[in-house]
């Protein structure tokens, strides 16, 4: 391209099987893809942004992000979506914002 830019796709309905339709350097139209498979982790099903009192499954978290790492292992580029302006603060969601844990949780993120 004659332009020095980066194009991004927010792929809320993109799956690991369809991701390369968007970011394959030879056939895709964008440079980077956000997937949102981790978005519902730690929330109660069918309840918009209501945290699950049991938290989230670390095993499920690893499964989702490992799957997507494999998608982009050889070509294309993806991101690690952990939150945005529509979600609670990341330290509150993925760690602990209690005074005794807030600093350590923030650093781990």
C-alpha atoms as a PDB file:
ATOM      1  CA  UNK A   1       0.000   0.000   0.000  1.00  0.00           C
ATOM      2  CA  UNK A   2       1.142   3.533  -0.595  1.00  0.00           C
ATOM      3  CA  UNK A   3      -0.366   4.516   2.779  1.00  0.00           C
ATOM      4  CA  UNK A   4       1.376   3.976   6.103  1.00  0.00           C
ATOM      5  CA  UNK A   5      -1.719   2.809   7.994  1.00  0.00           C
ATOM      6  CA  UNK A   6      -3.030  -0.129   9.989  1.00  0.00           C
ATOM      7  CA  UNK A   7      -6.574  -1.327   9.403  1.00  0.00           C
ATOM      8  CA  UNK A   8      -8.492  -3.172  12.108  1.00  0.00           C
ATOM      9  CA  UNK A   9     -11.573  -5.393  12.104  1.00  0.00           C
ATOM     10  CA  UNK A  10     -13.797  -5.843  15.132  1.00  0.00           C
ATOM     11  CA  UNK A  11     -14.990  -9.371  14.461  1.00  0.00           C
ATOM     12  CA  UNK A  12     -17.741 -10.076  16.945  1.00  0.00           C
ATOM     13  CA  UNK A  13     -19.103 -12.952  14.832  1.00  0.00           C
ATOM     14  CA  UNK A  14     -15.774 -14.052  13.341  1.00  0.00           C
ATOM     15  CA  UNK A  15     -14.709 -17.584  14.252  1.00  0.00           C
ATOM     16  CA  UNK A  16     -11.279 -19.221  14.176  1.00  0.00           C
ATOM     17  CA  UNK A  17     -12.396 -20.878  10.921  1.00  0.00           C
ATOM     18  CA  UNK A  18     -13.333 -17.609   9.211  1.00  0.00           C
ATOM     19  CA  UNK A  19     -10.663 -15.254  10.584  1.00  0.00           C
ATOM     20  CA  UNK A  20      -8.328 -15.602   7.617  1.00  0.00           C
ATOM     21  CA  UNK A  21     -11.077 -14.291   5.338  1.00  0.00           C
ATOM     22  CA  UNK A  22     -10.301 -10.927   6.934  1.00  0.00           C
ATOM     23  CA  UNK A  23      -6.588 -10.902   7.783  1.00  0.00           C
ATOM     24  CA  UNK A  24      -4.796 -13.283   5.423  1.00  0.00           C
ATOM     25  CA  UNK A  25      -2.145 -11.026   3.868  1.00  0.00           C
ATOM     26  CA  UNK A  26      -2.898 -12.438   0.412  1.00  0.00           C
ATOM     27  CA  UNK A  27      -6.708 -12.368   0.461  1.00  0.00           C
ATOM     28  CA  UNK A  28      -7.918 -10.392   3.490  1.00  0.00           C
ATOM     29  CA  UNK A  29      -8.698  -6.734   3.584  1.00  0.00           C
ATOM     30  CA  UNK A  30      -7.455  -5.687   7.024  1.00  0.00           C
ATOM     31  CA  UNK A  31      -4.238  -5.970   8.998  1.00  0.00           C
ATOM     32  CA  UNK A  32      -5.501  -6.855  12.466  1.00  0.00           C
ATOM     33  CA  UNK A  33      -8.536  -8.605  13.952  1.00  0.00           C
ATOM     34  CA  UNK A  34     -10.184  -8.235  17.332  1.00  0.00           C
ATOM     35  CA  UNK A  35     -12.136 -11.342  18.309  1.00  0.00           C
ATOM     36  CA  UNK A  36     -14.570 -11.228  21.182  1.00  0.00           C
ATOM     37  CA  UNK A  37     -14.731 -14.862  22.285  1.00  0.00           C
ATOM     38  CA  UNK A  38     -13.509 -13.928  25.762  1.00  0.00           C
ATOM     39  CA  UNK A  39     -16.145 -11.238  26.249  1.00  0.00           C
ATOM     40  CA  UNK A  40     -18.712 -13.380  28.137  1.00  0.00           C
ATOM     41  CA  UNK A  41     -16.163 -14.925  30.531  1.00  0.00           C
ATOM     42  CA  UNK A  42     -17.029 -14.220  34.141  1.00  0.00           C
ATOM     43  CA  UNK A  43     -20.543 -13.013  33.422  1.00  0.00           C
ATOM     44  CA  UNK A  44     -23.813 -14.766  34.098  1.00  0.00           C
ATOM     45  CA  UNK A  45     -25.363 -16.178  30.911  1.00  0.00           C
ATOM     46  CA  UNK A  46     -28.006 -13.965  29.285  1.00  0.00           C
ATOM     47  CA  UNK A  47     -27.494 -11.179  31.825  1.00  0.00           C
ATOM     48  CA  UNK A  48     -25.762  -8.165  30.314  1.00  0.00           C
ATOM     49  CA  UNK A  49     -22.527  -7.474  32.202  1.00  0.00           C
ATOM     50  CA  UNK A  50     -23.710  -9.068  35.446  1.00  0.00           C
ATOM     51  CA  UNK A  51     -20.635 -10.656  37.036  1.00  0.00           C
ATOM     52  CA  UNK A  52     -20.803 -14.325  37.922  1.00  0.00           C
ATOM     53  CA  UNK A  53     -20.259 -14.576  41.699  1.00  0.00           C
ATOM     54  CA  UNK A  54     -18.035 -17.606  40.971  1.00  0.00           C
ATOM     55  CA  UNK A  55     -15.737 -15.544  38.756  1.00  0.00           C
ATOM     56  CA  UNK A  56     -14.402 -16.994  35.522  1.00  0.00           C
ATOM     57  CA  UNK A  57     -12.739 -20.258  34.558  1.00  0.00           C
ATOM     58  CA  UNK A  58      -8.999 -19.918  34.016  1.00  0.00           C
ATOM     59  CA  UNK A  59      -9.101 -23.134  31.991  1.00  0.00           C
ATOM     60  CA  UNK A  60     -11.739 -21.646  29.656  1.00  0.00           C
ATOM     61  CA  UNK A  61      -9.772 -18.390  29.442  1.00  0.00           C
ATOM     62  CA  UNK A  62      -6.656 -20.308  28.380  1.00  0.00           C
ATOM     63  CA  UNK A  63      -8.621 -22.421  25.909  1.00  0.00           C
ATOM     64  CA  UNK A  64     -10.089 -19.390  24.151  1.00  0.00           C
ATOM     65  CA  UNK A  65      -6.863 -17.430  23.882  1.00  0.00           C
ATOM     66  CA  UNK A  66      -4.762 -20.498  22.987  1.00  0.00           C
ATOM     67  CA  UNK A  67      -7.192 -21.282  20.158  1.00  0.00           C
ATOM     68  CA  UNK A  68      -6.834 -17.773  18.776  1.00  0.00           C
ATOM     69  CA  UNK A  69      -3.049 -17.830  19.168  1.00  0.00           C
ATOM     70  CA  UNK A  70      -3.031 -20.871  16.895  1.00  0.00           C
ATOM     71  CA  UNK A  71      -5.211 -19.075  14.334  1.00  0.00           C
ATOM     72  CA  UNK A  72      -2.591 -16.343  13.918  1.00  0.00           C
ATOM     73  CA  UNK A  73       0.501 -18.512  14.442  1.00  0.00           C
ATOM     74  CA  UNK A  74       1.579 -18.511  10.789  1.00  0.00           C
ATOM     75  CA  UNK A  75      -0.175 -15.559   9.158  1.00  0.00           C
ATOM     76  CA  UNK A  76      -2.466 -12.689   9.894  1.00  0.00           C
ATOM     77  CA  UNK A  77      -2.495 -10.769  13.143  1.00  0.00           C
ATOM     78  CA  UNK A  78      -4.909 -10.777  16.031  1.00  0.00           C
ATOM     79  CA  UNK A  79      -5.243  -9.100  19.389  1.00  0.00           C
ATOM     80  CA  UNK A  80      -5.879 -10.082  22.961  1.00  0.00           C
ATOM     81  CA  UNK A  81      -9.175  -8.461  23.866  1.00  0.00           C
ATOM     82  CA  UNK A  82      -9.595  -8.151  27.619  1.00  0.00           C
ATOM     83  CA  UNK A  83     -11.856  -5.136  27.864  1.00  0.00           C
ATOM     84  CA  UNK A  84     -12.982  -1.808  26.522  1.00  0.00           C
ATOM     85  CA  UNK A  85     -15.219   1.110  27.430  1.00  0.00           C
ATOM     86  CA  UNK A  86     -18.263  -1.221  27.509  1.00  0.00           C
ATOM     87  CA  UNK A  87     -16.743  -3.464  30.195  1.00  0.00           C
ATOM     88  CA  UNK A  88     -15.863  -2.969  33.861  1.00  0.00           C
ATOM     89  CA  UNK A  89     -12.299  -1.935  34.681  1.00  0.00           C
ATOM     90  CA  UNK A  90      -9.918  -4.764  33.863  1.00  0.00           C
ATOM     91  CA  UNK A  91      -8.461  -4.880  37.353  1.00  0.00           C
ATOM     92  CA  UNK A  92     -11.976  -5.368  38.740  1.00  0.00           C
ATOM     93  CA  UNK A  93     -12.918  -7.999  36.179  1.00  0.00           C
ATOM     94  CA  UNK A  94      -9.760 -10.115  35.861  1.00  0.00           C
ATOM     95  CA  UNK A  95      -8.046  -9.422  39.160  1.00  0.00           C
ATOM     96  CA  UNK A  96      -9.069  -7.869  42.444  1.00  0.00           C
ATOM     97  CA  UNK A  97      -9.540  -4.222  43.214  1.00  0.00           C
ATOM     98  CA  UNK A  98      -9.493  -4.835  46.975  1.00  0.00           C
ATOM     99  CA  UNK A  99      -6.854  -2.539  48.513  1.00  0.00           C
ATOM    100  CA  UNK A 100      -4.537  -5.410  49.412  1.00  0.00           C
ATOM    101  CA  UNK A 101      -4.609  -6.867  45.861  1.00  0.00           C
ATOM    102  CA  UNK A 102      -5.187  -3.895  43.554  1.00  0.00           C
ATOM    103  CA  UNK A 103      -1.523  -3.043  42.848  1.00  0.00           C
ATOM    104  CA  UNK A 104      -0.455  -6.659  42.240  1.00  0.00           C
ATOM    105  CA  UNK A 105      -3.530  -7.332  40.057  1.00  0.00           C
ATOM    106  CA  UNK A 106      -2.850  -4.187  38.023  1.00  0.00           C
ATOM    107  CA  UNK A 107       0.767  -5.156  37.446  1.00  0.00           C
ATOM    108  CA  UNK A 108      -0.190  -8.668  36.325  1.00  0.00           C
ATOM    109  CA  UNK A 109      -2.511  -7.257  33.682  1.00  0.00           C
END
